[in-house]
């Protein structure tokens, strides 16, 4: 109780720069949920989101924008143009005039380095504002020219960092060995609604009431390894077990190669394809309808799918890459395997040998570590220890 009073008595003004409504997706959900946590702790929070996040020719999906209403409890300013240096200057000055104590910036892609790096330099100039970055990645999954220079420019503008996996923290230390940094796992996504019974979720999605259904969820990109999972579905043991794969998420690359794999292996009757963007209010049905969530990634730092699965108390199969095994204790919360089709098929079958009841108590215990309060408190603590 004393700790809560102390937190509430030191009211800070916090500005979050990054994706938020009217933009959609996991980045927006993260920033909005973090803002709510700060508000619940008694702090004043503004979010400065993008007027232009990606030029349309760089955006791989169908739409960057949500059709859902804005969150009424949040103050979101649509202001940042990721490719316009004049906008960075004006928006940085606008943020500086707000006189925030802390600016929080979630970094996931070197492309954003020039924009975010300039905004932070201007917003924090000449006063005690501290810039704290939450790092999704430092070295991206899909490398492009200029990545290291853009990332270095951004990192030099920040005072402190939070890495959500050990591999990201290690990557950060290649750029800055001395700046304050903490390792805090990705908090649970608890803003997609409460779990519903499996039967009700399947009815909502018009899925069979019975039968074995596993889930691949999220944007489809090469590093996420959906092609490996499709090859695993071709395994005769999977076919004989009657396991079906529900693919829920929008293609962020050309889907032709996946269609060719489906045709080549004759998988059509084993798949349930829902490959449009999944709105926030439908997420719970996909997780709750499945027996198991599979993340067959070729590479990873951490994944926002893991905290979603934790929230809905769904066991996981994850590959032994990046930070994924850190959050999924093997044979407890789920199963960890190699990123190849035979290993994935074996892990899926092993899950059904164990049964869901084996995993749920471990999930319920382990999920207690992943709180938004811990993330918010760490940001506040880092801002206090930083020397400008």
Protein backbone atom coordinates (compact mmCIF):
# COMPACT_ATOMS: atom_id res chain seq x y z
CA UNK A 1 0.00 0.00 0.00
CA UNK A 2 2.84 2.41 0.89
CA UNK A 3 4.49 1.74 -2.50
CA UNK A 4 1.24 2.51 -4.32
CA UNK A 5 0.84 5.80 -2.45
CA UNK A 6 4.42 6.79 -3.29
CA UNK A 7 3.90 6.04 -6.99
CA UNK A 8 0.71 8.08 -7.12
CA UNK A 9 2.14 11.02 -5.16
CA UNK A 10 4.95 11.69 -7.67
CA UNK A 11 2.85 12.58 -10.69
CA UNK A 12 4.81 12.74 -13.94
CA UNK A 13 3.93 13.89 -17.41
CA UNK A 14 4.69 11.13 -19.90
CA UNK A 15 4.52 11.32 -23.68
CA UNK A 16 4.56 8.14 -25.76
CA UNK A 17 5.69 8.53 -29.38
CA UNK A 18 4.59 5.76 -31.72
CA UNK A 19 1.72 3.82 -33.20
CA UNK A 20 -1.77 4.27 -31.75
CA UNK A 21 -5.33 4.72 -33.02
CA UNK A 22 -6.29 5.29 -35.82
CA UNK A 23 -3.43 2.93 -36.70
CA UNK A 24 -3.99 -0.74 -35.98
CA UNK A 25 -1.96 -3.77 -34.97
CA UNK A 26 0.23 -4.95 -32.11
CA UNK A 27 2.37 -1.79 -31.85
CA UNK A 28 -0.71 0.37 -31.38
CA UNK A 29 -2.19 -2.08 -28.88
CA UNK A 30 1.05 -2.06 -26.89
CA UNK A 31 1.37 1.72 -26.67
CA UNK A 32 -2.28 2.18 -25.76
CA UNK A 33 -2.11 -0.47 -23.03
CA UNK A 34 1.06 1.06 -21.58
CA UNK A 35 -0.58 4.49 -21.55
CA UNK A 36 -3.52 3.08 -19.61
CA UNK A 37 -1.16 1.57 -17.05
CA UNK A 38 0.59 4.90 -16.49
CA UNK A 39 -2.79 6.60 -16.11
CA UNK A 40 -3.91 4.02 -13.56
CA UNK A 41 -0.75 4.85 -11.59
CA UNK A 42 -1.84 8.50 -11.51
CA UNK A 43 0.39 9.99 -14.23
CA UNK A 44 -0.57 12.33 -17.06
CA UNK A 45 -0.13 10.64 -20.44
CA UNK A 46 -0.27 11.80 -24.06
CA UNK A 47 0.37 9.69 -27.15
CA UNK A 48 1.81 11.28 -30.28
CA UNK A 49 0.99 8.91 -33.10
CA UNK A 50 1.62 8.97 -36.83
CA UNK A 51 -0.17 10.99 -39.45
CA UNK A 52 1.96 8.87 -41.81
CA UNK A 53 3.62 5.75 -40.44
CA UNK A 54 4.76 4.13 -43.69
CA UNK A 55 4.52 5.39 -47.26
CA UNK A 56 1.99 3.15 -48.99
CA UNK A 57 4.64 1.59 -51.25
CA UNK A 58 6.54 0.38 -48.16
CA UNK A 59 3.50 -1.00 -46.34
CA UNK A 60 2.98 -4.70 -47.14
CA UNK A 61 -0.59 -5.08 -45.82
CA UNK A 62 -3.99 -3.98 -47.08
CA UNK A 63 -4.59 -1.08 -44.70
CA UNK A 64 -2.71 0.64 -41.89
CA UNK A 65 -5.89 1.94 -40.26
CA UNK A 66 -8.38 0.59 -37.78
CA UNK A 67 -12.13 0.66 -38.32
CA UNK A 68 -12.77 0.49 -34.57
CA UNK A 69 -13.63 3.56 -32.48
CA UNK A 70 -10.79 5.37 -30.70
CA UNK A 71 -10.15 4.52 -27.04
CA UNK A 72 -12.16 7.17 -25.19
CA UNK A 73 -9.92 7.21 -22.12
CA UNK A 74 -6.71 8.13 -23.98
CA UNK A 75 -5.42 11.47 -25.30
CA UNK A 76 -3.99 10.60 -28.74
CA UNK A 77 -2.52 13.32 -31.00
CA UNK A 78 -2.12 12.46 -34.69
CA UNK A 79 1.05 14.35 -35.56
CA UNK A 80 4.16 12.40 -36.68
CA UNK A 81 5.14 11.99 -40.33
CA UNK A 82 7.86 9.33 -40.51
CA UNK A 83 9.41 10.65 -43.76
CA UNK A 84 9.16 14.43 -43.45
CA UNK A 85 12.11 16.10 -41.64
CA UNK A 86 10.23 19.41 -41.35
CA UNK A 87 7.48 17.56 -39.50
CA UNK A 88 10.06 16.05 -37.13
CA UNK A 89 11.29 19.54 -36.26
CA UNK A 90 7.81 21.01 -35.70
CA UNK A 91 6.53 17.98 -33.80
CA UNK A 92 9.67 17.80 -31.67
CA UNK A 93 9.19 21.45 -30.66
CA UNK A 94 5.52 20.80 -29.96
CA UNK A 95 6.44 17.91 -27.64
CA UNK A 96 9.13 20.01 -25.94
CA UNK A 97 6.55 22.72 -25.19
CA UNK A 98 4.50 20.08 -23.34
CA UNK A 99 7.44 19.86 -20.88
CA UNK A 100 7.19 16.09 -20.33
CA UNK A 101 9.23 14.39 -17.65
CA UNK A 102 9.61 11.26 -19.76
CA UNK A 103 9.28 10.49 -23.46
CA UNK A 104 8.75 6.79 -24.20
CA UNK A 105 9.47 5.51 -27.69
CA UNK A 106 9.00 1.92 -28.82
CA UNK A 107 11.59 1.01 -31.46
CA UNK A 108 11.05 -1.88 -33.83
CA UNK A 109 12.55 -0.95 -37.20
CA UNK A 110 15.67 1.00 -38.30
CA UNK A 111 13.53 2.84 -40.88
CA UNK A 112 12.10 4.79 -37.91
CA UNK A 113 15.56 5.74 -36.61
CA UNK A 114 15.91 9.13 -38.35
CA UNK A 115 12.38 10.20 -37.41
CA UNK A 116 12.45 9.04 -33.80
CA UNK A 117 16.07 10.06 -33.26
CA UNK A 118 15.39 13.62 -34.41
CA UNK A 119 12.14 13.92 -32.45
CA UNK A 120 13.86 12.82 -29.24
CA UNK A 121 16.81 15.16 -29.71
CA UNK A 122 14.50 18.16 -30.13
CA UNK A 123 11.96 17.14 -27.48
CA UNK A 124 14.62 16.59 -24.80
CA UNK A 125 16.87 19.54 -25.66
CA UNK A 126 17.76 21.94 -22.89
CA UNK A 127 15.65 20.49 -20.07
CA UNK A 128 15.31 17.47 -17.84
CA UNK A 129 13.14 15.32 -20.11
CA UNK A 130 14.41 11.72 -20.25
CA UNK A 131 13.98 9.52 -23.33
CA UNK A 132 13.39 5.84 -22.58
CA UNK A 133 13.08 3.37 -25.45
CA UNK A 134 11.38 -0.02 -25.39
CA UNK A 135 13.20 -2.18 -27.91
CA UNK A 136 11.39 -4.77 -29.99
CA UNK A 137 14.47 -5.24 -32.13
CA UNK A 138 17.86 -3.62 -32.52
CA UNK A 139 19.04 -5.74 -35.43
CA UNK A 140 15.95 -6.39 -37.59
CA UNK A 141 14.68 -9.72 -38.88
CA UNK A 142 14.79 -8.51 -42.49
CA UNK A 143 17.98 -6.51 -43.08
CA UNK A 144 18.23 -3.49 -45.39
CA UNK A 145 20.94 -0.97 -46.35
CA UNK A 146 21.31 1.75 -43.74
CA UNK A 147 20.02 -0.33 -40.83
CA UNK A 148 23.06 0.11 -38.59
CA UNK A 149 23.42 3.84 -39.25
CA UNK A 150 19.72 4.53 -38.62
CA UNK A 151 19.71 2.42 -35.46
CA UNK A 152 22.88 4.07 -34.14
CA UNK A 153 21.36 7.53 -34.72
CA UNK A 154 18.28 6.56 -32.74
CA UNK A 155 20.14 4.92 -29.86
CA UNK A 156 22.34 7.98 -29.38
CA UNK A 157 19.19 10.08 -28.81
CA UNK A 158 17.95 7.88 -25.94
CA UNK A 159 18.93 8.00 -22.29
CA UNK A 160 17.86 4.49 -21.26
CA UNK A 161 16.41 1.30 -22.69
CA UNK A 162 14.20 -1.66 -21.94
CA UNK A 163 14.90 -4.85 -23.87
CA UNK A 164 12.21 -7.52 -23.86
CA UNK A 165 14.56 -10.44 -24.51
CA UNK A 166 18.16 -11.36 -23.74
CA UNK A 167 19.07 -11.40 -27.45
CA UNK A 168 17.85 -7.81 -27.90
CA UNK A 169 19.80 -6.68 -24.83
CA UNK A 170 22.93 -8.33 -26.26
CA UNK A 171 22.35 -6.58 -29.60
CA UNK A 172 21.90 -3.24 -27.83
CA UNK A 173 25.25 -3.61 -26.09
CA UNK A 174 26.98 -3.74 -29.47
CA UNK A 175 25.83 -0.15 -30.01
CA UNK A 176 26.04 1.25 -26.49
CA UNK A 177 27.85 -0.65 -23.73
CA UNK A 178 27.20 1.87 -20.96
CA UNK A 179 23.75 3.47 -21.15
CA UNK A 180 21.25 2.17 -18.55
CA UNK A 181 19.20 -0.79 -19.76
CA UNK A 182 16.93 -3.38 -18.17
CA UNK A 183 15.61 -6.72 -19.34
CA UNK A 184 11.82 -6.86 -18.85
CA UNK A 185 9.73 -9.45 -20.71
CA UNK A 186 6.86 -8.41 -22.95
CA UNK A 187 3.79 -7.88 -20.70
CA UNK A 188 0.60 -9.84 -21.27
CA UNK A 189 -1.79 -8.51 -23.87
CA UNK A 190 -4.85 -8.38 -21.62
CA UNK A 191 -6.67 -5.77 -23.70
CA UNK A 192 -8.29 -8.20 -26.15
CA UNK A 193 -11.07 -9.28 -23.83
CA UNK A 194 -11.57 -12.10 -21.36
CA UNK A 195 -11.32 -15.75 -22.41
CA UNK A 196 -14.46 -17.55 -23.57
CA UNK A 197 -15.15 -21.31 -23.58
CA UNK A 198 -13.67 -23.21 -26.53
CA UNK A 199 -17.07 -24.36 -27.78
CA UNK A 200 -18.44 -20.79 -27.76
CA UNK A 201 -15.38 -19.47 -29.59
CA UNK A 202 -15.69 -22.11 -32.28
CA UNK A 203 -19.35 -21.33 -32.77
CA UNK A 204 -18.52 -17.63 -33.11
CA UNK A 205 -15.98 -18.45 -35.86
CA UNK A 206 -18.16 -21.10 -37.50
CA UNK A 207 -15.63 -23.85 -36.76
CA UNK A 208 -16.36 -27.50 -35.95
CA UNK A 209 -17.36 -28.03 -32.31
CA UNK A 210 -15.06 -31.03 -32.04
CA UNK A 211 -11.70 -31.98 -33.50
CA UNK A 212 -8.08 -30.90 -33.09
CA UNK A 213 -7.34 -27.33 -34.19
CA UNK A 214 -3.99 -25.54 -33.83
CA UNK A 215 -3.46 -21.83 -34.46
CA UNK A 216 -0.96 -19.72 -36.39
CA UNK A 217 -1.80 -16.10 -35.58
CA UNK A 218 -0.46 -12.75 -36.78
CA UNK A 219 0.92 -11.00 -39.82
CA UNK A 220 2.48 -13.45 -42.26
CA UNK A 221 6.10 -12.59 -43.03
CA UNK A 222 9.02 -14.77 -44.19
CA UNK A 223 10.81 -14.92 -40.82
CA UNK A 224 7.68 -16.29 -39.11
CA UNK A 225 8.07 -19.65 -40.81
CA UNK A 226 4.50 -20.40 -41.88
CA UNK A 227 5.93 -22.37 -44.79
CA UNK A 228 7.70 -24.67 -42.29
CA UNK A 229 4.42 -25.23 -40.49
CA UNK A 230 2.64 -26.01 -43.76
CA UNK A 231 5.29 -28.62 -44.51
CA UNK A 232 4.79 -30.02 -41.01
CA UNK A 233 1.07 -30.34 -41.74
CA UNK A 234 2.03 -32.61 -44.66
CA UNK A 235 3.59 -35.08 -42.19
CA UNK A 236 1.61 -38.32 -42.36
CA UNK A 237 1.41 -38.49 -38.57
CA UNK A 238 -0.34 -35.10 -38.48
CA UNK A 239 -2.79 -36.22 -41.15
CA UNK A 240 -3.60 -39.44 -39.33
CA UNK A 241 -4.16 -37.54 -36.08
CA UNK A 242 -6.80 -35.39 -37.80
CA UNK A 243 -5.14 -32.10 -36.82
CA UNK A 244 -6.26 -28.95 -38.64
CA UNK A 245 -4.41 -25.64 -38.83
CA UNK A 246 -6.24 -22.33 -38.40
CA UNK A 247 -4.24 -19.53 -40.06
CA UNK A 248 -5.45 -16.17 -38.79
CA UNK A 249 -3.66 -13.09 -40.05
CA UNK A 250 -2.97 -10.88 -43.02
CA UNK A 251 -0.29 -11.62 -45.61
CA UNK A 252 2.57 -9.11 -45.42
CA UNK A 253 4.24 -10.72 -48.43
CA UNK A 254 3.20 -12.39 -51.68
CA UNK A 255 0.91 -15.28 -50.79
CA UNK A 256 1.54 -17.17 -54.03
CA UNK A 257 4.31 -19.36 -52.59
CA UNK A 258 2.04 -20.42 -49.75
CA UNK A 259 -0.76 -21.24 -52.16
CA UNK A 260 1.71 -23.35 -54.16
CA UNK A 261 2.73 -25.25 -51.02
CA UNK A 262 -0.90 -25.87 -50.11
CA UNK A 263 -1.58 -27.24 -53.58
CA UNK A 264 1.69 -29.21 -53.76
CA UNK A 265 1.04 -31.02 -50.47
CA UNK A 266 -2.74 -31.30 -50.87
CA UNK A 267 -3.40 -29.43 -47.60
CA UNK A 268 -6.67 -27.68 -48.42
CA UNK A 269 -8.80 -29.97 -46.25
CA UNK A 270 -6.40 -29.58 -43.29
CA UNK A 271 -6.41 -25.78 -43.27
CA UNK A 272 -8.84 -23.08 -42.17
CA UNK A 273 -7.77 -19.79 -43.76
CA UNK A 274 -8.81 -16.47 -42.21
CA UNK A 275 -6.19 -14.30 -43.88
CA UNK A 276 -7.69 -10.86 -43.50
CA UNK A 277 -6.70 -8.52 -40.67
CA UNK A 278 -8.17 -9.79 -37.40
CA UNK A 279 -9.88 -6.91 -35.53
CA UNK A 280 -9.20 -6.51 -31.82
CA UNK A 281 -12.69 -7.58 -30.80
CA UNK A 282 -12.28 -10.94 -32.58
CA UNK A 283 -8.82 -11.89 -31.28
CA UNK A 284 -10.14 -13.74 -28.22
CA UNK A 285 -12.22 -16.09 -30.36
CA UNK A 286 -9.23 -17.28 -32.40
CA UNK A 287 -7.09 -18.02 -29.37
CA UNK A 288 -9.89 -19.60 -27.38
CA UNK A 289 -11.03 -21.77 -30.31
CA UNK A 290 -7.59 -23.40 -30.63
CA UNK A 291 -6.00 -26.23 -28.66
CA UNK A 292 -2.49 -24.92 -29.22
CA UNK A 293 -0.68 -21.83 -30.56
CA UNK A 294 2.27 -22.57 -32.87
CA UNK A 295 5.08 -20.06 -33.54
CA UNK A 296 7.31 -21.73 -36.16
CA UNK A 297 9.67 -18.76 -36.49
CA UNK A 298 12.96 -18.93 -38.36
CA UNK A 299 14.27 -15.98 -36.36
CA UNK A 300 12.92 -13.92 -33.49
CA UNK A 301 13.73 -11.58 -30.67
CA UNK A 302 10.46 -11.91 -28.83
CA UNK A 303 6.90 -12.15 -30.08
CA UNK A 304 3.69 -10.37 -29.18
CA UNK A 305 1.85 -13.63 -29.86
CA UNK A 306 3.38 -15.22 -26.76
CA UNK A 307 1.81 -12.77 -24.27
CA UNK A 308 -1.52 -13.14 -26.08
CA UNK A 309 -1.34 -16.91 -25.63
CA UNK A 310 -0.46 -16.44 -21.96
CA UNK A 311 -3.47 -14.19 -21.43
CA UNK A 312 -5.82 -16.74 -22.98
CA UNK A 313 -3.96 -19.59 -21.21
CA UNK A 314 -3.12 -21.46 -24.38
CA UNK A 315 -0.10 -23.80 -24.56
CA UNK A 316 2.47 -23.01 -27.24
CA UNK A 317 4.90 -24.71 -29.55
CA UNK A 318 7.77 -22.32 -30.28
CA UNK A 319 11.03 -22.75 -32.15
CA UNK A 320 14.40 -22.53 -30.48
CA UNK A 321 15.30 -19.09 -31.88
CA UNK A 322 16.00 -15.70 -30.30
CA UNK A 323 14.07 -14.95 -27.13
CA UNK A 324 11.13 -17.31 -27.70
CA UNK A 325 12.35 -20.10 -25.38
CA UNK A 326 12.92 -17.55 -22.58
CA UNK A 327 9.17 -17.08 -22.21
CA UNK A 328 8.05 -20.66 -22.86
CA UNK A 329 9.54 -23.13 -20.36
CA UNK A 330 9.77 -26.46 -22.20
CA UNK A 331 7.21 -29.14 -21.27
CA UNK A 332 5.56 -26.68 -18.87
CA UNK A 333 4.07 -23.68 -20.66
CA UNK A 334 4.56 -25.41 -23.99
CA UNK A 335 7.13 -27.18 -26.11
CA UNK A 336 10.35 -25.83 -27.62
CA UNK A 337 11.60 -27.38 -30.84
CA UNK A 338 13.88 -26.82 -33.82
CA UNK A 339 12.71 -24.72 -36.79
CA UNK A 340 12.19 -27.53 -39.27
CA UNK A 341 9.05 -29.34 -40.43
CA UNK A 342 9.77 -32.74 -38.86
CA UNK A 343 10.55 -31.23 -35.46
CA UNK A 344 7.45 -29.03 -35.56
CA UNK A 345 5.27 -32.01 -36.43
CA UNK A 346 6.80 -34.00 -33.58
CA UNK A 347 6.20 -31.21 -31.07
CA UNK A 348 2.58 -30.79 -32.12
CA UNK A 349 1.95 -34.52 -31.70
CA UNK A 350 3.77 -34.46 -28.35
CA UNK A 351 1.43 -31.72 -27.16
CA UNK A 352 -1.57 -33.95 -27.76
CA UNK A 353 0.19 -36.76 -25.90
CA UNK A 354 0.59 -34.51 -22.85
CA UNK A 355 -2.87 -32.97 -23.14
CA UNK A 356 -3.99 -29.41 -22.39
CA UNK A 357 -4.56 -30.09 -18.69
CA UNK A 358 -0.83 -30.71 -18.21
CA UNK A 359 0.14 -27.21 -19.38
CA UNK A 360 -2.54 -24.90 -17.96
CA UNK A 361 -1.36 -24.89 -14.30
CA UNK A 362 2.17 -23.98 -15.41
CA UNK A 363 0.80 -21.19 -17.65
CA UNK A 364 -1.29 -19.77 -14.82
CA UNK A 365 1.74 -19.64 -12.55
CA UNK A 366 4.24 -18.34 -15.12
CA UNK A 367 1.98 -15.57 -16.47
CA UNK A 368 2.16 -13.73 -13.14
CA UNK A 369 5.65 -12.48 -14.14
CA UNK A 370 4.42 -10.49 -17.11
CA UNK A 371 2.63 -7.44 -15.73
CA UNK A 372 2.20 -3.97 -17.23
CA UNK A 373 2.80 -2.50 -13.78
CA UNK A 374 6.31 -3.96 -13.78
CA UNK A 375 7.02 -2.45 -17.21
CA UNK A 376 5.68 0.98 -16.21
CA UNK A 377 7.56 1.01 -12.88
CA UNK A 378 10.82 0.11 -14.63
CA UNK A 379 10.44 3.00 -17.08
CA UNK A 380 9.91 5.38 -14.15
CA UNK A 381 12.92 3.94 -12.30
CA UNK A 382 15.17 4.27 -15.34
CA UNK A 383 14.15 7.89 -15.84
CA UNK A 384 15.13 8.62 -12.24
CA UNK A 385 18.63 7.12 -12.46
CA UNK A 386 19.60 8.65 -15.81
CA UNK A 387 22.22 11.40 -15.67
CA UNK A 388 21.78 13.89 -18.53
